[in-house]
Protein backbone atom coordinates (compact mmCIF):
# COMPACT_ATOMS: atom_id res chain seq x y z
CA MET A 1 14.73 22.11 -0.75
CA LYS A 2 13.45 23.85 -3.36
CA THR A 3 12.60 27.53 -3.71
CA LEU A 4 8.85 28.52 -4.10
CA ALA A 5 9.90 30.41 -7.40
CA THR A 6 11.44 26.96 -8.77
CA LEU A 7 8.28 25.13 -8.02
CA LEU A 8 6.32 27.46 -9.65
CA ALA A 9 7.88 27.45 -13.19
CA ASN A 10 5.83 24.96 -14.71
CA ILE A 11 2.44 26.44 -13.16
CA ASP A 12 -0.25 29.00 -15.02
CA TYR A 13 -0.90 30.91 -11.75
CA CYS A 14 -2.99 34.06 -12.24
CA GLU A 15 -1.48 36.22 -9.53
CA ILE A 16 0.79 36.27 -6.76
CA LYS A 17 1.17 38.29 -3.82
CA GLY A 18 4.63 38.43 -1.82
CA SER A 19 7.88 37.25 -2.58
CA PRO A 20 8.28 33.35 -4.28
CA GLU A 21 12.03 33.67 -3.17
CA VAL A 22 11.54 31.50 0.03
CA GLY A 23 12.55 27.88 0.51
CA ILE A 24 9.97 25.21 0.51
CA GLY A 25 10.61 22.60 3.09
CA ARG A 26 7.03 20.83 3.05
CA ILE A 27 4.00 20.63 0.89
CA GLU A 28 0.65 20.36 2.45
CA PHE A 29 -3.07 20.13 1.83
CA ASP A 30 -4.17 19.23 5.45
CA SER A 31 -3.64 22.33 7.43
CA ARG A 32 -3.38 20.04 10.44
CA LYS A 33 -0.12 18.60 9.47
CA ILE A 34 1.42 21.96 9.38
CA LYS A 35 4.16 22.97 11.82
CA HIS A 36 6.52 26.16 12.16
CA SER A 37 9.62 25.32 10.61
CA GLU A 38 13.04 25.31 12.57
CA GLU A 39 15.00 26.15 9.34
CA GLU A 40 15.44 29.72 8.80
CA GLY A 41 13.95 30.80 5.42
CA VAL A 42 12.53 27.27 5.04
CA THR A 43 8.56 27.13 5.43
CA THR A 44 5.56 25.01 4.61
CA LEU A 45 3.44 25.60 1.29
CA TYR A 46 -0.28 25.17 2.07
CA VAL A 47 -2.44 24.15 -0.89
CA ALA A 48 -6.13 24.78 -0.64
CA GLN A 49 -8.12 22.65 -2.62
CA ARG A 50 -11.82 22.44 -3.31
CA GLY A 51 -12.93 18.57 -2.38
CA THR A 52 -15.93 16.57 -2.51
CA GLN A 53 -16.34 16.83 1.69
CA THR A 54 -14.78 20.24 2.22
CA ASP A 55 -13.01 23.06 1.16
CA GLY A 56 -9.49 23.67 2.02
CA HIS A 57 -10.01 27.52 1.24
CA LEU A 58 -12.01 27.50 4.85
CA TYR A 59 -8.61 26.57 6.31
CA ILE A 60 -6.20 29.03 4.99
CA PRO A 61 -6.17 31.18 8.28
CA GLN A 62 -5.59 28.04 10.29
CA ALA A 63 -2.69 27.22 7.78
CA VAL A 64 -1.06 30.49 8.48
CA GLU A 65 -1.41 30.59 12.05
CA ALA A 66 0.04 27.20 12.25
CA GLY A 67 2.88 28.34 10.26
CA ALA A 68 2.58 28.03 6.31
CA GLY A 69 4.33 30.61 4.63
CA ALA A 70 2.84 30.30 1.46
CA VAL A 71 -0.26 29.54 0.28
CA LEU A 72 -1.52 28.22 -3.20
CA CYS A 73 -5.43 28.53 -3.69
CA GLU A 74 -8.06 29.46 -6.45
CA GLU A 75 -9.59 32.20 -4.37
CA LEU A 76 -7.29 34.70 -2.30
CA PRO A 77 -8.65 35.35 1.19
CA ALA A 78 -10.00 38.35 2.11
CA ALA A 79 -6.96 39.34 4.85
CA LEU A 80 -3.87 38.97 3.84
CA SER A 81 -0.35 38.15 5.93
CA ASP A 82 2.43 40.14 4.90
CA LYS A 83 4.56 37.58 5.99
CA VAL A 84 3.42 34.94 3.52
CA CYS A 85 3.43 34.53 -0.44
CA TYR A 86 0.03 33.87 -1.74
CA ILE A 87 -0.55 32.53 -5.44
CA ARG A 88 -3.82 32.28 -7.22
CA VAL A 89 -4.34 29.71 -9.49
CA ASN A 90 -7.37 28.34 -11.74
CA ASP A 91 -7.22 24.87 -10.21
CA SER A 92 -5.19 23.90 -7.01
CA SER A 93 -5.26 20.25 -7.53
CA VAL A 94 -3.82 20.54 -11.05
CA ALA A 95 -0.94 22.65 -9.71
CA LEU A 96 -0.57 20.32 -6.50
CA GLY A 97 0.35 17.52 -8.93
CA ARG A 98 2.96 19.38 -10.76
CA MET A 99 4.57 21.15 -7.87
CA ALA A 100 4.58 17.76 -5.99
CA GLY A 101 6.45 16.12 -9.27
CA ALA A 102 9.25 19.23 -8.99
CA PHE A 103 9.35 19.02 -5.23
CA PHE A 104 10.46 15.46 -5.23
CA GLY A 105 12.79 15.73 -8.30
CA HIS A 106 10.34 14.49 -11.29
CA PRO A 107 10.61 10.58 -10.17
CA SER A 108 8.73 9.66 -13.06
CA ARG A 109 11.10 10.77 -15.41
CA LYS A 110 13.88 8.65 -13.67
CA LEU A 111 12.10 5.10 -14.44
CA LYS A 112 9.38 3.59 -16.63
CA LEU A 113 6.22 4.06 -15.09
CA VAL A 114 3.25 2.13 -16.57
CA GLY A 115 -0.33 2.66 -15.22
CA ILE A 116 -3.38 0.58 -15.93
CA THR A 117 -6.97 1.60 -15.88
CA GLY A 118 -10.21 -0.24 -16.16
CA THR A 119 -12.97 -1.49 -13.97
CA ASN A 120 -12.00 -4.63 -13.56
CA GLY A 121 -8.31 -6.37 -13.67
CA LYS A 122 -6.03 -3.47 -12.68
CA THR A 123 -4.62 -5.08 -9.28
CA THR A 124 -4.22 -8.60 -10.92
CA THR A 125 -2.07 -7.01 -13.96
CA VAL A 126 0.10 -4.56 -11.92
CA THR A 127 0.84 -7.11 -9.30
CA LEU A 128 1.77 -9.73 -11.75
CA LEU A 129 3.78 -7.40 -13.75
CA HIS A 130 5.79 -6.37 -10.58
CA ARG A 131 6.45 -10.44 -9.93
CA LEU A 132 7.35 -10.79 -13.52
CA PHE A 133 9.93 -7.64 -13.53
CA THR A 134 11.09 -8.95 -10.52
CA ALA A 135 11.46 -12.56 -11.68
CA LEU A 136 13.27 -11.09 -14.70
CA GLY A 137 15.88 -9.89 -12.72
CA HIS A 138 14.64 -6.14 -12.24
CA LYS A 139 13.95 -3.92 -9.51
CA ALA A 140 10.58 -2.72 -9.59
CA GLY A 141 8.11 -0.53 -7.59
CA LEU A 142 4.26 -1.38 -7.39
CA LEU A 143 1.13 0.92 -6.43
CA SER A 144 -1.94 -1.08 -6.02
CA THR A 145 -5.01 -1.25 -4.18
CA ILE A 146 -3.68 -4.39 -2.41
CA VAL A 147 -0.62 -2.67 -1.27
CA ASN A 148 2.39 -0.83 -2.40
CA ARG A 149 5.96 -2.24 -2.92
CA ILE A 150 9.72 -1.00 -3.17
CA GLY A 151 11.34 -3.77 -4.72
CA ASN A 152 10.42 -6.26 -1.69
CA GLU A 153 9.64 -3.51 0.80
CA GLU A 154 6.09 -3.50 1.61
CA VAL A 155 4.28 -0.24 1.99
CA ALA A 156 0.72 0.17 3.16
CA ALA A 157 -1.55 1.11 0.63
CA THR A 158 -4.80 3.22 1.79
CA HIS A 159 -6.06 4.26 -1.61
CA THR A 160 -6.06 2.88 -5.37
CA THR A 161 -3.97 5.67 -6.56
CA PRO A 162 -2.50 7.73 -3.90
CA ASP A 163 -2.70 11.43 -3.42
CA ALA A 164 0.06 13.57 -5.48
CA LEU A 165 2.30 13.97 -2.60
CA GLU A 166 2.42 10.43 -1.53
CA LEU A 167 2.58 9.25 -4.85
CA ASN A 168 5.67 11.42 -5.68
CA ALA A 169 7.00 10.61 -2.42
CA LEU A 170 6.90 6.71 -3.26
CA LEU A 171 8.08 7.35 -6.70
CA ALA A 172 11.23 9.04 -5.25
CA ARG A 173 11.93 5.97 -2.80
CA MET A 174 11.60 3.80 -5.72
CA VAL A 175 13.95 6.03 -7.75
CA GLU A 176 16.55 5.99 -4.42
CA ALA A 177 16.23 2.05 -4.00
CA GLY A 178 17.23 1.77 -7.49
CA CYS A 179 14.07 0.60 -9.45
CA GLU A 180 14.03 0.96 -12.71
CA TYR A 181 10.29 0.37 -13.34
CA CYS A 182 6.90 0.88 -11.53
CA PHE A 183 3.55 -0.26 -12.18
CA MET A 184 0.73 1.40 -10.62
CA GLU A 185 -3.16 1.18 -11.07
CA VAL A 186 -4.75 4.29 -12.19
CA SER A 187 -8.41 4.90 -10.88
CA SER A 188 -10.67 6.96 -12.25
CA HIS A 189 -11.06 9.39 -9.27
CA SER A 190 -7.38 10.04 -9.42
CA VAL A 191 -7.64 11.02 -12.94
CA CYS A 192 -10.74 13.47 -12.08
CA GLN A 193 -8.61 14.60 -8.75
CA HIS A 194 -5.59 14.96 -10.62
CA ARG A 195 -3.40 13.17 -8.61
CA ILE A 196 -1.56 11.91 -11.51
CA GLU A 197 -1.14 15.10 -12.70
CA GLY A 198 2.49 15.80 -13.88
CA LEU A 199 3.86 12.46 -14.23
CA THR A 200 5.77 10.96 -16.85
CA PHE A 201 4.19 7.37 -17.90
CA ALA A 202 6.15 4.92 -20.12
CA GLY A 203 3.00 3.46 -20.98
CA GLY A 204 -0.88 3.01 -20.49
CA ILE A 205 -3.02 -0.16 -20.14
CA PHE A 206 -6.80 -0.28 -20.69
CA SER A 207 -8.22 -3.49 -19.59
CA ASN A 208 -12.22 -2.88 -19.55
CA ILE A 209 -15.05 -0.85 -18.39
CA THR A 210 -18.59 -1.29 -17.21
CA HIS A 211 -20.54 0.54 -14.48
CA ASP A 212 -18.77 1.26 -11.26
CA HIS A 213 -18.30 4.41 -9.22
CA LEU A 214 -21.57 5.80 -10.63
CA ASP A 215 -21.54 7.26 -6.98
CA PHE A 216 -18.91 9.84 -7.65
CA HIS A 217 -19.20 9.94 -11.45
CA LYS A 218 -23.05 10.34 -11.87
CA THR A 219 -23.16 8.90 -15.50
CA PHE A 220 -21.42 6.31 -17.28
CA ALA A 221 -20.30 8.64 -20.42
CA ASN A 222 -18.33 11.06 -17.42
CA TYR A 223 -16.84 7.57 -16.10
CA ILE A 224 -15.76 6.65 -19.73
CA GLN A 225 -14.22 10.11 -19.97
CA ALA A 226 -12.68 10.12 -16.73
CA LYS A 227 -10.86 6.38 -17.93
CA LYS A 228 -9.88 8.15 -21.34
CA GLY A 229 -8.44 11.14 -19.75
CA PHE A 230 -5.56 8.92 -18.42
CA PHE A 231 -4.83 7.91 -22.45
CA ASP A 232 -5.22 11.81 -23.53
CA ALA A 233 -2.35 12.78 -21.60
CA LEU A 234 0.40 10.14 -22.38
CA PRO A 235 3.02 11.29 -24.28
CA ALA A 236 4.20 10.51 -27.58
CA THR A 237 6.78 8.44 -26.52
CA ALA A 238 4.59 6.21 -24.56
CA PHE A 239 2.62 3.08 -25.46
CA ALA A 240 -1.31 2.70 -25.17
CA LEU A 241 -2.23 -1.03 -24.55
CA THR A 242 -6.03 -1.20 -25.03
CA ASN A 243 -8.42 -4.34 -25.34
CA ILE A 244 -10.28 -4.12 -28.74
CA ASP A 245 -12.72 -7.01 -27.57
CA ASP A 246 -14.21 -4.26 -25.34
CA LYS A 247 -16.82 -1.88 -26.95
CA ASN A 248 -14.87 1.20 -25.80
CA GLY A 249 -11.43 0.02 -26.19
CA MET A 250 -10.41 2.39 -29.31
CA VAL A 251 -12.51 4.82 -27.75
CA MET A 252 -10.05 5.34 -25.12
CA VAL A 253 -7.19 5.95 -27.42
CA GLN A 254 -8.76 8.01 -29.93
CA ASN A 255 -7.46 11.12 -28.81
CA THR A 256 -3.83 9.59 -27.37
CA LYS A 257 -0.51 10.76 -28.71
CA ALA A 258 0.89 7.78 -27.44
CA ILE A 259 1.85 4.74 -29.92
CA VAL A 260 -1.37 2.55 -29.65
CA LYS A 261 -1.16 -1.17 -29.47
CA THR A 262 -3.93 -3.87 -29.22
CA TYR A 263 -4.67 -7.20 -27.43
CA SER A 264 -7.72 -9.67 -27.88
CA LEU A 265 -9.18 -12.74 -27.42
CA GLN A 266 -11.51 -12.52 -30.28
CA SER A 267 -10.36 -9.87 -32.66
CA PRO A 268 -7.16 -9.65 -34.84
CA ALA A 269 -4.81 -7.85 -32.54
CA ASP A 270 -0.79 -6.75 -31.97
CA PHE A 271 -1.09 -9.27 -29.37
CA LYS A 272 -3.67 -12.18 -29.76
CA THR A 273 -4.39 -15.12 -27.65
CA ARG A 274 -6.59 -18.33 -28.11
CA LEU A 275 -7.99 -20.05 -24.97
CA ILE A 276 -7.52 -23.52 -25.13
CA GLU A 277 -8.04 -24.87 -21.80
CA ASN A 278 -9.61 -23.35 -18.63
CA SER A 279 -9.71 -25.16 -15.30
CA PHE A 280 -9.33 -24.54 -11.07
CA GLU A 281 -5.73 -25.81 -12.03
CA GLY A 282 -5.25 -22.96 -14.74
CA LEU A 283 -4.67 -21.79 -18.09
CA HIS A 284 -3.74 -23.29 -21.32
CA LEU A 285 -3.20 -20.33 -23.47
CA GLN A 286 -1.68 -19.40 -27.15
CA ILE A 287 -0.31 -16.01 -27.11
CA ASN A 288 0.91 -14.95 -30.35
CA GLY A 289 1.30 -18.39 -31.52
CA VAL A 290 3.11 -20.13 -28.38
CA GLU A 291 1.68 -22.18 -26.32
CA SER A 292 1.99 -21.92 -22.73
CA PHE A 293 0.39 -23.00 -19.42
CA PHE A 294 -0.47 -20.39 -16.65
CA ARG A 295 -1.32 -21.02 -12.74
CA LEU A 296 -4.22 -18.57 -12.71
CA SER A 297 -8.13 -19.41 -13.94
CA GLY A 298 -10.75 -17.91 -15.83
CA ARG A 299 -11.37 -16.13 -19.24
CA PHE A 300 -10.98 -12.66 -17.53
CA ASN A 301 -7.53 -13.69 -16.09
CA ALA A 302 -6.86 -14.89 -20.17
CA TYR A 303 -7.04 -10.95 -20.71
CA ASN A 304 -5.22 -9.97 -17.70
CA LEU A 305 -2.39 -12.50 -18.71
CA THR A 306 -2.33 -11.15 -22.23
CA ALA A 307 -1.71 -7.62 -21.36
CA ILE A 308 1.04 -8.65 -19.15
CA TYR A 309 2.87 -10.50 -21.68
CA ALA A 310 1.92 -7.62 -23.96
CA ALA A 311 3.46 -4.79 -21.82
CA ALA A 312 6.49 -6.62 -20.69
CA VAL A 313 7.16 -6.99 -24.55
CA LEU A 314 6.50 -3.40 -25.18
CA LEU A 315 9.01 -2.57 -22.47
CA GLY A 316 11.73 -4.44 -24.37
CA MET A 317 11.73 -7.88 -22.67
CA PRO A 318 12.42 -11.19 -24.59
CA SER A 319 9.02 -12.99 -25.39
CA GLU A 320 10.13 -16.50 -24.95
CA GLU A 321 11.72 -15.73 -21.37
CA VAL A 322 8.42 -13.63 -20.62
CA LEU A 323 6.28 -16.70 -20.85
CA VAL A 324 8.52 -18.87 -19.44
CA LYS A 325 8.37 -16.44 -16.03
CA MET A 326 4.99 -15.79 -16.37
CA SER A 327 3.94 -19.69 -16.07
CA ALA A 328 5.41 -19.75 -12.82
CA LEU A 329 3.00 -16.58 -11.17
CA GLY A 330 0.35 -17.50 -8.86
CA THR A 331 -2.88 -14.88 -8.53
CA ALA A 332 -2.72 -11.64 -6.57
CA ASP A 333 -4.13 -11.93 -3.23
CA GLY A 334 -7.80 -12.30 -3.18
CA ARG A 335 -8.22 -12.94 -7.22
CA PHE A 336 -10.05 -16.26 -7.92
CA GLU A 337 -7.91 -17.72 -4.58
CA VAL A 338 -8.98 -21.40 -4.44
CA ILE A 339 -9.27 -22.76 -1.28
CA ARG A 340 -9.55 -26.79 -0.87
CA ASN A 341 -10.92 -28.70 1.90
CA GLY A 342 -9.71 -32.49 0.82
CA GLN A 343 -13.26 -33.79 1.39
CA GLY A 344 -14.61 -32.45 -2.36
CA GLY A 345 -15.02 -28.80 -1.28
CA VAL A 346 -13.48 -26.14 -3.14
CA ALA A 347 -14.11 -22.32 -2.04
CA ILE A 348 -13.08 -19.59 -4.19
CA VAL A 349 -12.54 -16.14 -2.58
CA ASP A 350 -12.74 -13.13 -5.19
CA TYR A 351 -12.58 -9.44 -5.25
CA ALA A 352 -15.54 -9.38 -7.39
CA HIS A 353 -17.71 -6.11 -6.55
CA THR A 354 -19.28 -4.95 -9.60
CA PRO A 355 -21.80 -6.65 -11.64
CA ASP A 356 -19.46 -7.41 -14.34
CA ALA A 357 -16.84 -8.89 -12.45
CA LEU A 358 -19.36 -11.16 -10.54
CA LYS A 359 -20.82 -12.29 -13.60
CA ASN A 360 -16.67 -13.17 -14.92
CA VAL A 361 -16.10 -15.21 -11.93
CA LEU A 362 -19.34 -16.74 -11.81
CA SER A 363 -19.27 -17.90 -15.69
CA THR A 364 -15.45 -18.93 -15.17
CA ILE A 365 -16.69 -21.26 -12.28
CA ARG A 366 -19.71 -22.95 -14.10
CA ASN A 367 -17.35 -23.39 -17.58
CA ILE A 368 -14.98 -25.21 -15.36
CA THR A 369 -17.52 -26.92 -12.82
CA ARG A 370 -18.51 -30.69 -13.85
CA LYS A 371 -22.32 -31.93 -14.43
CA GLY A 372 -24.15 -32.22 -10.99
CA GLU A 373 -21.76 -29.94 -9.00
CA GLU A 374 -23.61 -27.13 -7.13
CA VAL A 375 -22.29 -23.29 -7.00
CA LEU A 376 -23.37 -21.41 -3.68
CA THR A 377 -22.37 -17.80 -3.92
CA VAL A 378 -22.18 -15.82 -1.04
CA VAL A 379 -22.40 -11.91 -1.99
CA GLY A 380 -23.14 -8.46 -0.62
CA CYS A 381 -22.91 -4.78 -1.79
CA GLY A 382 -20.71 -2.18 0.09
CA GLY A 383 -22.20 0.94 1.82
CA ASN A 384 -22.13 4.43 0.62
CA ARG A 385 -21.76 3.07 -2.94
CA ASP A 386 -23.64 2.93 -6.46
CA LYS A 387 -27.11 1.76 -4.81
CA THR A 388 -28.26 1.13 -8.68
CA LYS A 389 -26.05 -2.21 -9.11
CA ARG A 390 -27.34 -3.87 -5.78
CA PRO A 391 -30.25 -5.51 -7.16
CA GLU A 392 -28.42 -6.26 -10.19
CA MET A 393 -25.47 -8.01 -8.13
CA ALA A 394 -28.03 -10.33 -6.58
CA ALA A 395 -29.71 -11.12 -9.99
CA ILE A 396 -26.64 -11.89 -11.28
CA ALA A 397 -25.47 -14.40 -8.32
CA CYS A 398 -28.94 -16.25 -8.80
CA GLU A 399 -28.46 -16.54 -12.55
CA TYR A 400 -25.13 -18.53 -12.18
CA SER A 401 -25.73 -20.13 -8.85
CA ASP A 402 -27.59 -23.25 -7.40
CA ARG A 403 -27.90 -21.06 -4.03
CA VAL A 404 -27.19 -17.51 -2.88
CA ILE A 405 -26.62 -16.00 0.25
CA LEU A 406 -26.67 -12.29 0.20
CA THR A 407 -24.87 -10.73 3.19
CA SER A 408 -23.28 -7.74 4.65
CA ASP A 409 -20.03 -6.47 2.84
CA ASN A 410 -18.48 -3.04 4.26
CA PRO A 411 -22.03 -1.44 5.11
CA ARG A 412 -19.86 1.86 5.90
CA PHE A 413 -22.51 4.23 7.42
CA GLU A 414 -25.48 2.58 5.85
CA GLU A 415 -27.62 0.09 7.62
CA PRO A 416 -26.65 -3.66 6.30
CA ALA A 417 -30.55 -4.61 6.49
CA GLN A 418 -31.22 -1.74 4.33
CA ILE A 419 -28.54 -2.76 2.09
CA LEU A 420 -29.77 -6.27 1.77
CA LYS A 421 -33.50 -4.65 1.23
CA ASP A 422 -32.18 -2.94 -2.06
CA MET A 423 -30.63 -6.28 -3.31
CA GLU A 424 -33.65 -8.35 -2.55
CA PRO A 425 -35.40 -7.43 -5.47
CA GLY A 426 -32.66 -9.24 -8.07
CA ILE A 427 -33.99 -12.23 -6.70
CA PRO A 428 -36.54 -13.82 -9.10
CA ALA A 429 -39.71 -14.92 -7.75
CA ASP A 430 -39.17 -18.62 -8.34
CA TYR A 431 -35.60 -18.78 -7.17
CA ARG A 432 -36.36 -17.74 -3.62
CA PRO A 433 -36.39 -21.21 -1.88
CA ASN A 434 -32.85 -21.25 -3.05
CA ALA A 435 -31.78 -17.92 -1.71
CA LEU A 436 -31.05 -16.91 2.19
CA ILE A 437 -30.28 -13.44 3.48
CA ILE A 438 -27.85 -13.77 6.27
CA GLU A 439 -26.91 -10.15 7.66
CA ASN A 440 -23.93 -11.39 9.47
CA ARG A 441 -20.94 -12.05 7.18
CA ARG A 442 -19.13 -14.70 9.41
CA GLU A 443 -22.37 -16.75 10.04
CA ALA A 444 -22.86 -16.29 6.08
CA ILE A 445 -19.39 -18.24 5.27
CA ARG A 446 -20.22 -20.72 8.13
CA THR A 447 -23.37 -21.78 6.36
CA ALA A 448 -21.96 -21.82 3.16
CA CYS A 449 -19.09 -24.08 4.21
CA MET A 450 -21.48 -26.32 6.26
CA LEU A 451 -23.86 -26.76 3.33
CA MET A 452 -20.94 -27.47 0.57
CA ARG A 453 -18.29 -29.38 2.77
CA ASP A 454 -18.10 -32.42 0.55
CA HIS A 455 -19.41 -31.25 -2.97
CA GLY A 456 -19.70 -28.19 -5.29
CA VAL A 457 -18.16 -24.90 -5.26
CA ILE A 458 -18.32 -21.52 -2.93
CA LEU A 459 -17.66 -18.31 -4.10
CA ILE A 460 -17.29 -15.62 -2.00
CA ALA A 461 -17.47 -12.44 -3.52
CA GLY A 462 -16.85 -8.69 -2.79
CA LYS A 463 -14.07 -8.45 -0.56
CA GLY A 464 -11.03 -10.56 -1.61
CA HIS A 465 -7.76 -9.34 -0.27
CA GLU A 466 -9.69 -7.13 2.54
CA LYS A 467 -8.89 -7.86 6.00
CA TYR A 468 -11.51 -6.03 7.46
CA GLN A 469 -15.31 -4.90 7.67
CA ASP A 470 -15.77 -1.24 7.35
CA VAL A 471 -19.02 -0.15 9.72
CA GLN A 472 -19.59 3.13 10.68
CA GLY A 473 -16.23 4.53 10.17
CA THR A 474 -14.24 1.50 12.17
CA LYS A 475 -12.60 -1.10 10.13
CA HIS A 476 -12.93 -4.70 12.32
CA HIS A 477 -10.89 -7.56 11.53
CA PHE A 478 -12.47 -9.99 9.13
CA ASP A 479 -10.57 -11.94 6.37
CA ASP A 480 -13.07 -14.20 4.08
CA ILE A 481 -9.86 -16.49 3.72
CA GLU A 482 -9.32 -16.96 7.33
CA GLU A 483 -13.15 -17.64 7.93
CA VAL A 484 -13.02 -20.33 5.31
CA ARG A 485 -10.10 -21.94 6.94
CA ASN A 486 -11.57 -21.84 10.22
CA ASN A 487 -14.80 -23.45 9.05
CA TRP A 488 -12.87 -26.00 7.14
CA GLN A 489 -10.22 -26.23 10.03
CA LEU A 490 -7.49 -25.74 7.84
CA ASN A 491 -4.18 -24.46 8.44
């Protein structure tokens, strides 16, 4: 337990009403979670945030009535209780991040925390870094889109980057469990919403950036600035590892105080990789002059593997042992996951849900397939997300595939038929005989498996590791890999 005064030590507050000499047993930003404390002299701090859906200031009266003895806000309510301490700040989200760190004992300072940001490659990179360091004999934590881990303990993930309270609570559990490292995805949303405020990073990695999340950021320039904000905040003791083959790679680190290191497949860099061979069985790479074979496929994974190697070396791991352990690593769930039916058919399930990711996966498949082998792509677009990429996704699928099936993919609160209608203009007129629109995703996958049972490659894009379809606010069980196996009757 900490006193409110202690939690306010690193907070620039504008004014305070009441005494801060009160014990804080909990911090909450959801008034519905507040309960009266049974311990004398201990209370709950309610943080009123202005969100995209609602304004937490509207619920200050409910929070106080429920038992909050302290309120942090950007605007003081008209009626003040003499039993409550009120703190006014310029930005509640910034203050929450810093106070969450202090409340949990600054856990990010007690392990080596490495974050990765970028449009694509985040999940694969952090997942394999966690597996690599585990194989190297170190206990590590993982914060990812798929799952969170404390050593080998699995903790369900609800967001790419958790909120500041959950994030610091997880990091504190990692410290308590003896973790030395933590590898986490850093989403652009989390930077803008200050979820990572107050964390101390040992390193940051930039993978790449393409158009995505414009429903949230509105412009590509805003999206770039959000990613860049992560590197701007890194301390001088950290490393900033950037992909210089991306045209915004050096933009990301131009204002960082961290030690800048580079990686590349195309240009001179601190960590340089040459792609020797790419197949469904894996990649033959030369990294900084040393040849190794890896179980991942695709040029995009050559970048991921280079970033993983570089980060491990920058964290002090022996380079030769790193390559040996890396060569045994498999792919992350739902990332270029290959399923064979034993009759010549190959299905690949991949999370690709952006134009650039879809292009990367399909170009990889095209580079690997033999002459005469067909490629059939099953793809959709999520509802309540950036609509501008819908026809582009369809156009890319058509450009790289012999046949395409457009289908539903997490329609959320939109009508699936309308999403497919938005995608349809991306189908060239002369390609239409090779395109099908099957709204039911299960039926779309069944049709693809039937058409490609004995030859060629199916790409099922968009959902990857997800085991649900999000329809009208309800998540129904659905697993692309499970559907393929059922249609091919594989165990």
